[in-house]
Amino acid sequence: MAITPETSAFDRGVVPLLQMVLPDRAQLVIDFQAEPSLRARIEELAEKSTEGELTEEEQAEYAGYVRANKFVSILKRQAERLRHVGT
């Protein structure tokens, strides 16, 4: 995931909180993966999006998954940083 002004600002806003929460759980965060049925749903929506076939409701659902994925990516990146600092 590329570092953008948006992700940089988000990091700056949440890193202090993540540093309180993640140290003991960093590996769990790093290893986290969505359940297979959720991954399949996201892939289905991604394909429909590429084809321009999403309904309005599906667009909203897909946007929520995209936002969640960005958040999880940020958590994982911070967990990796914290894990390496602790070693």
N, C-alpha and C. Protein backbone atom coordinates (compact mmCIF):
# COMPACT_ATOMS: atom_id res chain seq x y z
N MET A 1 0.85 -1.18 0.00
CA MET A 1 0.00 0.00 0.00
C MET A 1 0.89 1.24 0.00
N ALA A 2 0.66 2.10 -0.95
CA ALA A 2 1.47 3.32 -1.08
C ALA A 2 1.13 4.30 0.05
N ILE A 3 2.15 5.00 0.49
CA ILE A 3 1.94 6.04 1.50
C ILE A 3 1.49 7.30 0.77
N THR A 4 0.31 7.77 1.10
CA THR A 4 -0.26 8.97 0.51
C THR A 4 -0.45 10.00 1.62
N PRO A 5 -0.73 11.25 1.27
CA PRO A 5 -1.03 12.22 2.33
C PRO A 5 -2.17 11.76 3.24
N GLU A 6 -3.16 11.08 2.64
CA GLU A 6 -4.30 10.60 3.43
C GLU A 6 -3.85 9.53 4.43
N THR A 7 -3.08 8.53 3.96
CA THR A 7 -2.65 7.48 4.88
C THR A 7 -1.66 8.02 5.91
N SER A 8 -0.84 8.96 5.51
CA SER A 8 0.10 9.57 6.44
C SER A 8 -0.64 10.30 7.56
N ALA A 9 -1.67 11.05 7.19
CA ALA A 9 -2.46 11.77 8.19
C ALA A 9 -3.21 10.79 9.09
N PHE A 10 -3.76 9.74 8.48
CA PHE A 10 -4.46 8.74 9.27
C PHE A 10 -3.50 8.10 10.26
N ASP A 11 -2.31 7.71 9.78
CA ASP A 11 -1.31 7.12 10.66
C ASP A 11 -1.00 8.04 11.84
N ARG A 12 -0.78 9.30 11.53
CA ARG A 12 -0.44 10.26 12.58
C ARG A 12 -1.55 10.36 13.63
N GLY A 13 -2.78 10.23 13.17
CA GLY A 13 -3.91 10.32 14.09
C GLY A 13 -4.13 9.09 14.94
N VAL A 14 -3.78 7.90 14.41
CA VAL A 14 -4.10 6.67 15.15
C VAL A 14 -2.89 5.95 15.74
N VAL A 15 -1.69 6.26 15.29
CA VAL A 15 -0.52 5.54 15.78
C VAL A 15 -0.40 5.57 17.30
N PRO A 16 -0.61 6.70 17.97
CA PRO A 16 -0.50 6.66 19.44
C PRO A 16 -1.45 5.64 20.07
N LEU A 17 -2.66 5.54 19.55
CA LEU A 17 -3.61 4.56 20.07
C LEU A 17 -3.15 3.14 19.74
N LEU A 18 -2.71 2.93 18.51
CA LEU A 18 -2.26 1.60 18.13
C LEU A 18 -1.07 1.14 18.95
N GLN A 19 -0.20 2.07 19.31
CA GLN A 19 0.96 1.72 20.13
C GLN A 19 0.55 1.27 21.52
N MET A 20 -0.62 1.70 21.99
CA MET A 20 -1.13 1.23 23.28
C MET A 20 -1.78 -0.14 23.16
N VAL A 21 -2.37 -0.43 22.02
CA VAL A 21 -3.18 -1.63 21.85
C VAL A 21 -2.43 -2.79 21.21
N LEU A 22 -1.58 -2.51 20.26
CA LEU A 22 -0.99 -3.56 19.44
C LEU A 22 0.21 -4.33 19.99
N PRO A 23 1.05 -3.77 20.81
CA PRO A 23 2.30 -4.48 21.13
C PRO A 23 2.13 -5.96 21.49
N ASP A 24 1.18 -6.30 22.31
CA ASP A 24 0.99 -7.69 22.71
C ASP A 24 0.22 -8.51 21.69
N ARG A 25 -0.34 -7.87 20.71
CA ARG A 25 -1.18 -8.55 19.73
C ARG A 25 -0.69 -8.37 18.30
N ALA A 26 0.49 -7.85 18.13
CA ALA A 26 1.00 -7.52 16.79
C ALA A 26 0.94 -8.71 15.84
N GLN A 27 1.39 -9.88 16.29
CA GLN A 27 1.42 -11.03 15.39
C GLN A 27 0.01 -11.47 14.99
N LEU A 28 -0.94 -11.37 15.91
CA LEU A 28 -2.33 -11.71 15.58
C LEU A 28 -2.87 -10.78 14.50
N VAL A 29 -2.55 -9.50 14.60
CA VAL A 29 -2.99 -8.52 13.60
C VAL A 29 -2.32 -8.83 12.26
N ILE A 30 -1.03 -9.10 12.28
CA ILE A 30 -0.29 -9.38 11.05
C ILE A 30 -0.86 -10.62 10.36
N ASP A 31 -1.23 -11.63 11.12
CA ASP A 31 -1.72 -12.89 10.56
C ASP A 31 -3.20 -12.86 10.17
N PHE A 32 -3.91 -11.81 10.55
CA PHE A 32 -5.35 -11.75 10.30
C PHE A 32 -5.68 -11.86 8.82
N GLN A 33 -6.69 -12.68 8.53
CA GLN A 33 -7.26 -12.78 7.19
C GLN A 33 -8.77 -12.90 7.33
N ALA A 34 -9.48 -12.27 6.42
CA ALA A 34 -10.93 -12.38 6.44
C ALA A 34 -11.33 -13.82 6.15
N GLU A 35 -12.48 -14.20 6.65
CA GLU A 35 -12.97 -15.56 6.41
C GLU A 35 -13.23 -15.77 4.92
N PRO A 36 -13.14 -17.01 4.46
CA PRO A 36 -13.28 -17.30 3.03
C PRO A 36 -14.58 -16.78 2.40
N SER A 37 -15.69 -16.87 3.12
CA SER A 37 -16.96 -16.41 2.53
C SER A 37 -16.94 -14.90 2.31
N LEU A 38 -16.29 -14.16 3.21
CA LEU A 38 -16.18 -12.71 3.04
C LEU A 38 -15.26 -12.39 1.88
N ARG A 39 -14.13 -13.08 1.79
CA ARG A 39 -13.22 -12.85 0.67
C ARG A 39 -13.91 -13.13 -0.66
N ALA A 40 -14.72 -14.19 -0.71
CA ALA A 40 -15.45 -14.53 -1.93
C ALA A 40 -16.45 -13.42 -2.29
N ARG A 41 -17.12 -12.87 -1.28
CA ARG A 41 -18.09 -11.79 -1.54
C ARG A 41 -17.38 -10.55 -2.08
N ILE A 42 -16.25 -10.22 -1.50
CA ILE A 42 -15.50 -9.04 -1.96
C ILE A 42 -15.02 -9.26 -3.39
N GLU A 43 -14.54 -10.45 -3.70
CA GLU A 43 -14.10 -10.75 -5.05
C GLU A 43 -15.26 -10.65 -6.04
N GLU A 44 -16.44 -11.13 -5.63
CA GLU A 44 -17.63 -11.05 -6.47
C GLU A 44 -17.98 -9.58 -6.76
N LEU A 45 -17.96 -8.76 -5.72
CA LEU A 45 -18.27 -7.34 -5.89
C LEU A 45 -17.20 -6.64 -6.73
N ALA A 46 -15.95 -7.00 -6.53
CA ALA A 46 -14.86 -6.40 -7.31
C ALA A 46 -15.04 -6.70 -8.79
N GLU A 47 -15.39 -7.93 -9.09
CA GLU A 47 -15.61 -8.31 -10.49
C GLU A 47 -16.78 -7.55 -11.09
N LYS A 48 -17.88 -7.47 -10.35
CA LYS A 48 -19.04 -6.73 -10.83
C LYS A 48 -18.71 -5.25 -11.00
N SER A 49 -17.88 -4.72 -10.11
CA SER A 49 -17.48 -3.32 -10.20
C SER A 49 -16.68 -3.08 -11.48
N THR A 50 -15.75 -3.99 -11.76
CA THR A 50 -14.94 -3.87 -12.96
C THR A 50 -15.81 -3.89 -14.21
N GLU A 51 -16.87 -4.67 -14.17
CA GLU A 51 -17.78 -4.79 -15.31
C GLU A 51 -18.84 -3.69 -15.32
N GLY A 52 -18.86 -2.85 -14.27
CA GLY A 52 -19.85 -1.78 -14.19
C GLY A 52 -21.25 -2.29 -13.90
N GLU A 53 -21.34 -3.39 -13.18
CA GLU A 53 -22.63 -4.05 -12.95
C GLU A 53 -23.11 -4.01 -11.51
N LEU A 54 -22.51 -3.18 -10.67
CA LEU A 54 -22.94 -3.09 -9.28
C LEU A 54 -24.24 -2.30 -9.17
N THR A 55 -25.14 -2.79 -8.31
CA THR A 55 -26.32 -2.01 -7.98
C THR A 55 -25.87 -0.90 -7.02
N GLU A 56 -26.75 0.03 -6.74
CA GLU A 56 -26.42 1.10 -5.80
C GLU A 56 -26.10 0.53 -4.41
N GLU A 57 -26.88 -0.45 -3.99
CA GLU A 57 -26.64 -1.08 -2.69
C GLU A 57 -25.29 -1.82 -2.68
N GLU A 58 -24.98 -2.51 -3.76
CA GLU A 58 -23.70 -3.22 -3.85
C GLU A 58 -22.52 -2.24 -3.89
N GLN A 59 -22.71 -1.10 -4.52
CA GLN A 59 -21.66 -0.07 -4.55
C GLN A 59 -21.34 0.39 -3.13
N ALA A 60 -22.39 0.61 -2.34
CA ALA A 60 -22.20 1.04 -0.96
C ALA A 60 -21.52 -0.07 -0.15
N GLU A 61 -21.93 -1.30 -0.34
CA GLU A 61 -21.32 -2.43 0.36
C GLU A 61 -19.84 -2.55 -0.02
N TYR A 62 -19.56 -2.48 -1.31
CA TYR A 62 -18.18 -2.60 -1.78
C TYR A 62 -17.31 -1.46 -1.24
N ALA A 63 -17.85 -0.26 -1.22
CA ALA A 63 -17.11 0.89 -0.68
C ALA A 63 -16.76 0.64 0.79
N GLY A 64 -17.67 0.04 1.54
CA GLY A 64 -17.40 -0.29 2.94
C GLY A 64 -16.27 -1.29 3.07
N TYR A 65 -16.25 -2.29 2.19
CA TYR A 65 -15.16 -3.28 2.23
C TYR A 65 -13.83 -2.65 1.84
N VAL A 66 -13.85 -1.75 0.87
CA VAL A 66 -12.61 -1.08 0.46
C VAL A 66 -12.06 -0.26 1.63
N ARG A 67 -12.94 0.47 2.32
CA ARG A 67 -12.51 1.25 3.49
C ARG A 67 -11.96 0.33 4.59
N ALA A 68 -12.67 -0.76 4.83
CA ALA A 68 -12.21 -1.71 5.86
C ALA A 68 -10.86 -2.29 5.49
N ASN A 69 -10.66 -2.61 4.22
CA ASN A 69 -9.39 -3.16 3.77
C ASN A 69 -8.25 -2.17 3.98
N LYS A 70 -8.51 -0.90 3.70
CA LYS A 70 -7.48 0.11 3.95
C LYS A 70 -7.13 0.18 5.43
N PHE A 71 -8.14 0.12 6.27
CA PHE A 71 -7.91 0.18 7.71
C PHE A 71 -7.11 -1.03 8.19
N VAL A 72 -7.48 -2.22 7.72
CA VAL A 72 -6.76 -3.43 8.10
C VAL A 72 -5.31 -3.35 7.61
N SER A 73 -5.10 -2.83 6.41
CA SER A 73 -3.74 -2.68 5.88
C SER A 73 -2.90 -1.76 6.76
N ILE A 74 -3.50 -0.69 7.21
CA ILE A 74 -2.80 0.25 8.09
C ILE A 74 -2.48 -0.42 9.42
N LEU A 75 -3.45 -1.15 9.98
CA LEU A 75 -3.20 -1.86 11.23
C LEU A 75 -2.06 -2.85 11.07
N LYS A 76 -2.07 -3.59 9.97
CA LYS A 76 -1.01 -4.58 9.74
C LYS A 76 0.35 -3.91 9.59
N ARG A 77 0.39 -2.80 8.87
CA ARG A 77 1.65 -2.09 8.69
C ARG A 77 2.19 -1.60 10.03
N GLN A 78 1.31 -1.05 10.86
CA GLN A 78 1.74 -0.57 12.17
C GLN A 78 2.16 -1.73 13.07
N ALA A 79 1.46 -2.84 12.99
CA ALA A 79 1.82 -4.01 13.79
C ALA A 79 3.20 -4.51 13.39
N GLU A 80 3.49 -4.50 12.09
CA GLU A 80 4.82 -4.90 11.62
C GLU A 80 5.89 -3.97 12.20
N ARG A 81 5.63 -2.69 12.17
CA ARG A 81 6.60 -1.73 12.71
C ARG A 81 6.82 -1.95 14.19
N LEU A 82 5.73 -2.14 14.92
CA LEU A 82 5.84 -2.34 16.36
C LEU A 82 6.55 -3.65 16.69
N ARG A 83 6.31 -4.67 15.91
CA ARG A 83 6.94 -5.96 16.13
C ARG A 83 8.46 -5.84 15.95
N HIS A 84 8.87 -5.10 14.91
CA HIS A 84 10.29 -4.95 14.65
C HIS A 84 10.98 -4.07 15.69
N VAL A 85 10.26 -3.10 16.22
CA VAL A 85 10.82 -2.24 17.27
C VAL A 85 11.06 -3.04 18.53
N GLY A 86 10.15 -3.99 18.79
CA GLY A 86 10.23 -4.78 20.02
C GLY A 86 11.28 -5.89 19.96
N THR A 87 11.85 -6.15 18.78
CA THR A 87 12.83 -7.25 18.68
C THR A 87 14.24 -6.75 18.78
